[in-house]
C-alpha cells in the first residue's frame, strides 16, 4: 500500500485523487460498474466521488488534523455476469508542518 505524506500547513483547500485499473501487462483495463471508495482510517477527510467512480475530491474536516486516511477503491474486474473483486488502496498521512515559532515553559523546582 502506497503512503503519501502531506504536511498540514501545505493544504490550501482540497486533494484530488484518481484510480486506474491495469491488466497484467500494465495496460489500462476496464471494470464492470462504478468503483466504490471508502476511508477506513481516521475521519480527517470527507470524500466526494465522481459519478463514474474514477476520481475523488478529498476535503479536510475542519482545521487540518494529523492522522492517516486509509483510502481504498473496490471494483468488479469480471466484465461478465460473475464478480471478481479488485481493490486499490493507499494512505494519506497528514503530518505537522515545518516549525515557524517556539514556545518556552518554566516550572518552579
Protein backbone atom coordinates (compact mmCIF):
# COMPACT_ATOMS: atom_id res chain seq x y z
CA UNK A 1 0.00 0.00 0.00
CA UNK A 2 1.41 3.35 -1.03
CA UNK A 3 1.56 6.17 1.52
CA UNK A 4 1.62 9.84 0.64
CA UNK A 5 2.81 12.21 3.37
CA UNK A 6 1.21 15.66 3.37
CA UNK A 7 2.25 18.44 5.79
CA UNK A 8 -0.99 20.03 7.02
CA UNK A 9 0.39 23.54 6.52
CA UNK A 10 0.54 22.91 2.74
CA UNK A 11 -3.17 22.11 2.37
CA UNK A 12 -4.98 25.11 0.94
CA UNK A 13 -8.30 23.51 0.02
CA UNK A 14 -8.82 20.01 -1.39
CA UNK A 15 -6.85 16.98 -2.52
CA UNK A 16 -7.65 15.26 -5.81
CA UNK A 17 -7.36 11.51 -6.22
CA UNK A 18 -7.86 9.12 -9.12
CA UNK A 19 -7.85 5.38 -9.65
CA UNK A 20 -6.83 3.40 -12.70
CA UNK A 21 -7.08 -0.33 -13.18
CA UNK A 22 -4.42 -2.21 -15.12
CA UNK A 23 -4.11 -5.64 -16.70
CA UNK A 24 -1.15 -7.99 -16.15
CA UNK A 25 0.85 -6.10 -18.80
CA UNK A 26 0.30 -2.73 -17.14
CA UNK A 27 -2.20 -1.57 -19.76
CA UNK A 28 -5.42 0.23 -18.74
CA UNK A 29 -8.23 -2.26 -18.12
CA UNK A 30 -11.98 -1.66 -17.76
CA UNK A 31 -14.05 -2.67 -14.75
CA UNK A 32 -17.74 -3.53 -14.50
CA UNK A 33 -19.86 -0.87 -12.83
CA UNK A 34 -18.86 2.12 -10.76
CA UNK A 35 -15.91 1.68 -8.37
CA UNK A 36 -16.67 2.22 -4.66
CA UNK A 37 -14.40 4.42 -2.50
CA UNK A 38 -14.04 4.04 1.29
CA UNK A 39 -11.96 5.61 4.07
CA UNK A 40 -11.19 3.11 6.82
CA UNK A 41 -8.72 5.44 8.53
CA UNK A 42 -9.07 8.48 10.72
CA UNK A 43 -12.16 10.59 9.85
CA UNK A 44 -10.00 13.57 8.88
CA UNK A 45 -11.24 13.95 5.30
CA UNK A 46 -14.58 13.77 3.55
CA UNK A 47 -14.85 12.25 0.08
CA UNK A 48 -16.78 13.46 -2.96
CA UNK A 49 -16.60 10.69 -5.55
CA UNK A 50 -17.16 11.46 -9.24
CA UNK A 51 -20.21 9.97 -10.98
CA UNK A 52 -18.05 7.42 -12.83
CA UNK A 53 -16.19 6.45 -9.63
CA UNK A 54 -12.78 7.01 -11.21
CA UNK A 55 -11.82 10.09 -9.20
CA UNK A 56 -12.40 11.70 -5.83
CA UNK A 57 -12.03 15.08 -4.15
CA UNK A 58 -10.91 14.86 -0.52
CA UNK A 59 -11.64 17.76 1.81
CA UNK A 60 -10.04 18.04 5.26
CA UNK A 61 -12.65 18.10 8.03
CA UNK A 62 -12.41 21.48 9.73
CA UNK A 63 -8.92 22.56 10.71
CA UNK A 64 -6.48 20.11 9.07
CA UNK A 65 -5.80 17.35 11.57
CA UNK A 66 -2.87 14.99 11.99
CA UNK A 67 -3.57 11.34 11.21
CA UNK A 68 -3.89 8.77 8.47
CA UNK A 69 -6.70 8.40 5.95
CA UNK A 70 -6.72 4.83 4.58
CA UNK A 71 -8.44 5.12 1.22
CA UNK A 72 -9.47 2.11 -0.85
CA UNK A 73 -11.34 1.65 -4.10
CA UNK A 74 -13.08 -1.61 -4.97
CA UNK A 75 -14.43 -2.66 -8.34
CA UNK A 76 -15.63 -5.71 -10.26
CA UNK A 77 -12.91 -6.94 -12.63
CA UNK A 78 -15.22 -9.57 -14.22
CA UNK A 79 -16.91 -7.91 -17.19
CA UNK A 80 -19.47 -10.73 -17.43
CA UNK A 81 -22.16 -11.99 -15.09
CA UNK A 82 -19.72 -13.00 -12.34
CA UNK A 83 -17.99 -10.87 -9.75
CA UNK A 84 -14.25 -10.70 -9.25
CA UNK A 85 -13.38 -8.01 -6.73
CA UNK A 86 -10.26 -5.95 -7.23
CA UNK A 87 -9.08 -3.42 -4.66
CA UNK A 88 -6.67 -0.50 -4.96
CA UNK A 89 -5.60 1.14 -1.72
CA UNK A 90 -3.38 3.86 -0.37
CA UNK A 91 -2.87 6.07 2.64
CA UNK A 92 -2.65 9.80 3.14
CA UNK A 93 -0.66 10.68 6.24
CA UNK A 94 -1.21 14.20 7.47
CA UNK A 95 1.80 15.38 9.48
CA UNK A 96 2.74 18.59 11.28
CA UNK A 97 4.18 21.31 9.10
CA UNK A 98 7.56 22.99 9.41
CA UNK A 99 8.23 24.77 12.71
CA UNK A 100 7.65 28.53 12.45
CA UNK A 101 7.87 29.55 16.11
CA UNK A 102 8.99 28.32 19.52
CA UNK A 103 7.49 28.24 22.99
CA UNK A 104 9.15 28.20 26.41
CA UNK A 105 7.76 26.61 29.55
CA UNK A 106 9.02 27.36 33.07
CA UNK A 107 8.30 25.46 36.27
CA UNK A 108 9.38 26.13 39.85
CA UNK A 109 11.64 23.36 41.15
